Amino acid sequence: MTHRFAVAPFVAFFGGFGSCFVDGHPSEIRSSHAIQEFIQNVSDAAAGESIPAIKACYAIGNDPVYSGRYHHKNQTHTEVGSSDLETLFDWIERESAGRPLILVGQSHGGWTAMKAALHMKRHVEVLATADPISVEECDATAFSASTLGYATLGFKPWPGCTRAPLDLKPRFAEIRAKSGVWHNFYQTETTFLRSSAIPEASTNELLTYTGWTMNPIRGHAYTESDRRVWSKILDAARALTHGRGSF
């Protein structure tokens, strides 16, 4: 038997550092096809209702976020515009009124999803963070210095780029309390960009990338489209349906 949503959820995706094109629009990052497939699956569970979804990105230099509203059927997007994070969070809160809210973020986007959960006055049904890294602890300058120093002088990678966002650690319990479920994914194989488990999360899953360790950033970059991540998020979305069963 197939169970469907009474109300289609609102889904917000936050991309990581450099996930915007030069003009500020969301780029076709590796997660694009996974996002599209996920929205289609959730749409099928909502009796074909169009799933409200927004994809936000970070410009180089951690400048304002640009957001795009996507339509699952014709794969087009409506421009929403550049904004600071609080304005974007407020917009998501207004747009998601009356709908279950799913927040997903990778790298800097994972940190952003956590900040969004804290900012919302409403409950977040599903929060998913993939290799979350703090924008404040691992900014472009810090990352560039760590990679250049490591390559030329043997410096250790910048610690703020290789752990869960410690600037939010005092509020991890609050993030968990505001989220129905919090799935955290992390990997420890890349040289410069990795994160760690977050005890307060509902679940933590270590992602491994056999044979990819020679590339200093590949494992981190690929967490945004990892099937293991999207499968878990889809399972969490299924849990929002009434009764038991699958799509």
Protein backbone atom coordinates (compact mmCIF):
# COMPACT_ATOMS: atom_id res chain seq x y z
CA MET A 1 0.00 0.00 0.00
CA THR A 2 1.24 3.49 -0.83
CA HIS A 3 0.87 6.30 1.70
CA ARG A 4 0.92 9.93 0.68
CA PHE A 5 1.51 13.27 2.32
CA ALA A 6 -1.55 15.13 3.49
CA VAL A 7 0.42 18.29 2.71
CA ALA A 8 3.52 18.44 0.52
CA PRO A 9 6.63 19.49 2.46
CA PHE A 10 8.72 22.56 1.77
CA VAL A 11 12.34 21.65 1.01
CA ALA A 12 15.32 24.02 1.30
CA PHE A 13 18.78 23.08 0.02
CA PHE A 14 21.87 25.03 1.05
CA GLY A 15 24.95 24.58 -1.11
CA GLY A 16 28.52 24.99 0.09
CA PHE A 17 31.34 27.44 -0.60
CA GLY A 18 31.56 28.36 -4.27
CA SER A 19 28.24 26.75 -5.18
CA CYS A 20 27.16 29.96 -6.93
CA PHE A 21 28.12 30.88 -10.47
CA VAL A 22 30.17 34.07 -10.88
CA ASP A 23 26.91 35.98 -11.40
CA GLY A 24 25.60 34.70 -8.06
CA HIS A 25 23.08 32.17 -9.36
CA PRO A 26 23.02 28.62 -8.00
CA SER A 27 25.37 26.49 -10.10
CA GLU A 28 24.71 22.97 -11.33
CA ILE A 29 26.63 21.43 -8.47
CA ARG A 30 26.89 17.65 -8.17
CA SER A 31 23.80 17.49 -6.01
CA SER A 32 21.52 18.91 -8.71
CA HIS A 33 20.40 15.57 -10.15
CA ALA A 34 20.07 14.05 -6.68
CA ILE A 35 17.97 17.02 -5.57
CA GLN A 36 15.76 16.73 -8.65
CA GLU A 37 15.24 13.00 -8.12
CA PHE A 38 14.50 13.56 -4.43
CA ILE A 39 11.90 16.24 -5.19
CA GLN A 40 10.29 13.97 -7.76
CA ASN A 41 10.06 11.11 -5.26
CA VAL A 42 8.53 13.37 -2.62
CA SER A 43 6.18 14.84 -5.21
CA ASP A 44 4.96 11.35 -6.08
CA ALA A 45 4.17 10.89 -2.39
CA ALA A 46 2.16 14.10 -2.45
CA ALA A 47 -0.21 12.89 -5.17
CA GLY A 48 1.76 14.78 -7.80
CA GLU A 49 1.53 18.12 -6.02
CA SER A 50 4.35 20.48 -6.94
CA ILE A 51 6.88 20.46 -4.12
CA PRO A 52 7.90 23.96 -3.01
CA ALA A 53 11.71 23.89 -3.06
CA ILE A 54 14.44 26.46 -2.83
CA LYS A 55 18.12 26.05 -3.61
CA ALA A 56 20.49 28.57 -2.04
CA CYS A 57 24.21 28.94 -2.67
CA TYR A 58 27.34 30.66 -1.40
CA ALA A 59 29.30 33.01 -3.62
CA ILE A 60 33.08 33.00 -3.48
CA GLY A 61 34.04 35.06 -0.45
CA ASN A 62 31.01 34.03 1.62
CA ASP A 63 29.00 36.92 0.25
CA PRO A 64 25.17 37.12 0.32
CA VAL A 65 23.22 34.02 -0.55
CA TYR A 66 21.35 33.83 -3.83
CA SER A 67 18.26 31.66 -3.81
CA GLY A 68 16.30 30.01 -6.60
CA ARG A 69 12.84 28.45 -6.42
CA TYR A 70 12.64 25.20 -8.39
CA HIS A 71 9.72 23.42 -10.04
CA HIS A 72 10.04 19.64 -10.12
CA LYS A 73 7.98 18.96 -13.24
CA ASN A 74 9.62 21.18 -15.84
CA GLN A 75 12.95 21.56 -13.99
CA THR A 76 12.83 25.34 -14.21
CA HIS A 77 13.54 27.84 -11.49
CA THR A 78 12.20 31.22 -10.51
CA GLU A 79 14.71 33.75 -9.32
CA VAL A 80 14.17 35.02 -5.80
CA GLY A 81 17.23 37.23 -5.42
CA SER A 82 20.28 37.85 -3.30
CA SER A 83 19.81 38.20 0.41
CA ASP A 84 21.49 38.01 3.76
CA LEU A 85 20.89 34.81 5.71
CA GLU A 86 18.31 36.18 8.13
CA THR A 87 16.21 37.56 5.26
CA LEU A 88 16.44 34.22 3.48
CA PHE A 89 15.49 32.32 6.63
CA ASP A 90 12.49 34.60 7.19
CA TRP A 91 11.40 34.05 3.58
CA ILE A 92 11.63 30.26 3.98
CA GLU A 93 9.63 30.44 7.20
CA ARG A 94 6.86 32.42 5.52
CA GLU A 95 6.80 30.23 2.41
CA SER A 96 6.73 27.00 4.40
CA ALA A 97 3.81 28.01 6.59
CA GLY A 98 1.46 25.08 7.04
CA ARG A 99 3.87 22.59 5.46
CA PRO A 100 6.42 20.17 6.92
CA LEU A 101 9.88 21.74 6.57
CA ILE A 102 12.96 19.84 5.38
CA LEU A 103 16.35 21.59 5.59
CA VAL A 104 19.38 20.09 3.86
CA GLY A 105 22.90 21.51 3.65
CA GLN A 106 26.43 20.46 2.65
CA SER A 107 29.73 21.96 3.86
CA HIS A 108 29.08 25.67 4.53
CA GLY A 109 25.49 24.86 3.61
CA GLY A 110 25.33 22.38 6.49
CA TRP A 111 26.31 25.14 8.90
CA THR A 112 23.68 27.34 7.22
CA ALA A 113 20.98 24.69 7.66
CA MET A 114 21.83 24.50 11.37
CA LYS A 115 21.64 28.31 11.63
CA ALA A 116 18.30 28.23 9.82
CA ALA A 117 16.89 25.69 12.28
CA LEU A 118 17.91 27.97 15.15
CA HIS A 119 16.42 31.03 13.47
CA MET A 120 13.02 29.49 12.73
CA LYS A 121 10.19 30.16 15.12
CA ARG A 122 8.57 26.99 13.83
CA HIS A 123 9.56 23.33 14.17
CA VAL A 124 11.82 21.77 11.52
CA GLU A 125 10.63 18.26 10.68
CA VAL A 126 13.86 17.06 9.02
CA LEU A 127 17.38 18.52 9.26
CA ALA A 128 20.20 16.91 7.26
CA THR A 129 23.81 18.10 7.39
CA ALA A 130 26.47 16.63 5.09
CA ASP A 131 30.05 17.37 6.15
CA PRO A 132 28.99 20.64 7.85
CA ILE A 133 31.78 23.21 8.18
CA SER A 134 31.49 26.61 9.85
CA VAL A 135 31.50 29.70 7.66
CA GLU A 136 32.94 31.66 10.58
CA GLU A 137 35.66 29.15 11.47
CA CYS A 138 36.60 28.15 7.92
CA ASP A 139 36.30 31.19 5.69
CA ALA A 140 37.95 31.56 2.28
CA THR A 141 41.08 33.23 3.68
CA ALA A 142 41.59 30.59 6.36
CA PHE A 143 41.11 27.75 3.90
CA SER A 144 43.44 29.28 1.32
CA ALA A 145 46.11 29.84 3.95
CA SER A 146 45.87 26.26 5.18
CA THR A 147 46.05 24.68 1.74
CA LEU A 148 48.89 26.92 0.55
CA GLY A 149 50.81 26.48 3.78
CA TYR A 150 50.38 22.71 3.68
CA ALA A 151 51.51 22.48 0.07
CA THR A 152 54.54 24.75 0.38
CA LEU A 153 55.70 24.72 3.99
CA GLY A 154 54.12 21.63 5.48
CA PHE A 155 51.67 23.45 7.75
CA LYS A 156 48.81 21.46 9.20
CA PRO A 157 45.35 22.00 7.67
CA TRP A 158 43.32 24.81 9.23
CA PRO A 159 41.46 23.16 12.15
CA GLY A 160 38.29 25.16 11.55
CA CYS A 161 37.93 23.37 8.20
CA THR A 162 38.30 19.87 9.60
CA ARG A 163 35.65 19.51 12.29
CA ALA A 164 31.99 20.02 13.06
CA PRO A 165 31.07 23.72 13.54
CA LEU A 166 32.35 24.45 17.05
CA ASP A 167 30.95 27.98 16.97
CA LEU A 168 27.49 26.37 17.11
CA LYS A 169 28.41 23.68 19.63
CA PRO A 170 26.81 25.50 22.59
CA ARG A 171 23.52 25.33 20.66
CA PHE A 172 23.70 21.77 19.32
CA ALA A 173 21.13 20.60 21.88
CA GLU A 174 18.82 23.47 20.90
CA ILE A 175 19.16 22.57 17.21
CA ARG A 176 18.24 18.99 18.05
CA ALA A 177 15.25 20.10 20.13
CA LYS A 178 13.94 22.24 17.26
CA SER A 179 14.24 19.39 14.74
CA GLY A 180 12.07 16.31 14.52
CA VAL A 181 15.05 14.36 13.24
CA TRP A 182 18.64 15.47 12.58
CA HIS A 183 20.76 13.29 10.32
CA ASN A 184 24.45 14.24 10.25
CA PHE A 185 26.90 12.81 7.71
CA TYR A 186 30.65 13.30 7.84
CA GLN A 187 33.89 12.05 6.32
CA THR A 188 37.47 12.14 7.63
CA GLU A 189 39.48 11.08 4.58
CA THR A 190 40.15 14.37 2.80
CA THR A 191 43.19 16.42 3.77
CA PHE A 192 41.73 19.89 4.17
CA LEU A 193 37.96 19.63 4.33
CA ARG A 194 36.33 17.17 6.68
CA SER A 195 34.01 17.25 9.66
CA SER A 196 33.10 15.02 12.56
CA ALA A 197 30.24 13.37 14.39
CA ILE A 198 27.83 15.56 16.35
CA PRO A 199 26.63 13.66 19.44
CA GLU A 200 23.45 15.71 19.69
CA ALA A 201 22.28 14.68 16.19
CA SER A 202 19.70 11.92 15.89
CA THR A 203 22.08 9.87 13.75
CA ASN A 204 25.68 10.18 12.58
CA GLU A 205 26.98 8.31 9.55
CA LEU A 206 30.64 8.15 8.56
CA LEU A 207 31.02 8.24 4.78
CA THR A 208 34.08 6.54 3.31
CA TYR A 209 35.55 6.94 -0.17
CA THR A 210 37.90 4.10 -1.00
CA GLY A 211 40.53 5.17 -3.51
CA TRP A 212 39.67 8.87 -3.30
CA THR A 213 42.07 9.84 -0.54
CA MET A 214 44.73 11.07 -2.97
CA ASN A 215 42.47 13.95 -3.94
CA PRO A 216 42.56 16.52 -1.09
CA ILE A 217 38.95 17.69 -1.46
CA ARG A 218 37.10 15.11 -3.54
CA GLY A 219 35.47 13.17 -0.70
CA HIS A 220 34.21 16.38 0.87
CA ALA A 221 32.83 17.74 -2.39
CA TYR A 222 31.02 14.51 -3.19
CA THR A 223 29.05 14.35 0.05
CA GLU A 224 26.54 16.71 -1.51
CA SER A 225 25.44 14.07 -4.02
CA ASP A 226 26.18 10.89 -2.09
CA ARG A 227 23.35 8.39 -2.48
CA ARG A 228 23.72 7.32 1.13
CA VAL A 229 22.86 10.87 2.20
CA TRP A 230 19.82 11.24 -0.03
CA SER A 231 18.51 7.78 0.82
CA LYS A 232 18.49 8.68 4.52
CA ILE A 233 16.77 12.00 3.85
CA LEU A 234 14.15 10.24 1.74
CA ASP A 235 13.55 7.76 4.56
CA ALA A 236 13.05 10.70 6.93
CA ALA A 237 10.59 12.26 4.49
CA ARG A 238 8.71 8.96 4.30
CA ALA A 239 8.32 9.08 8.06
CA LEU A 240 6.19 12.21 7.57
CA THR A 241 3.55 10.21 5.70
CA HIS A 242 0.46 8.92 7.44
CA GLY A 243 0.57 5.25 8.29
CA ARG A 244 3.27 2.85 7.20
CA GLY A 245 4.48 1.88 3.78
CA SER A 246 6.59 3.20 0.96
CA PHE A 247 6.10 5.64 -1.87
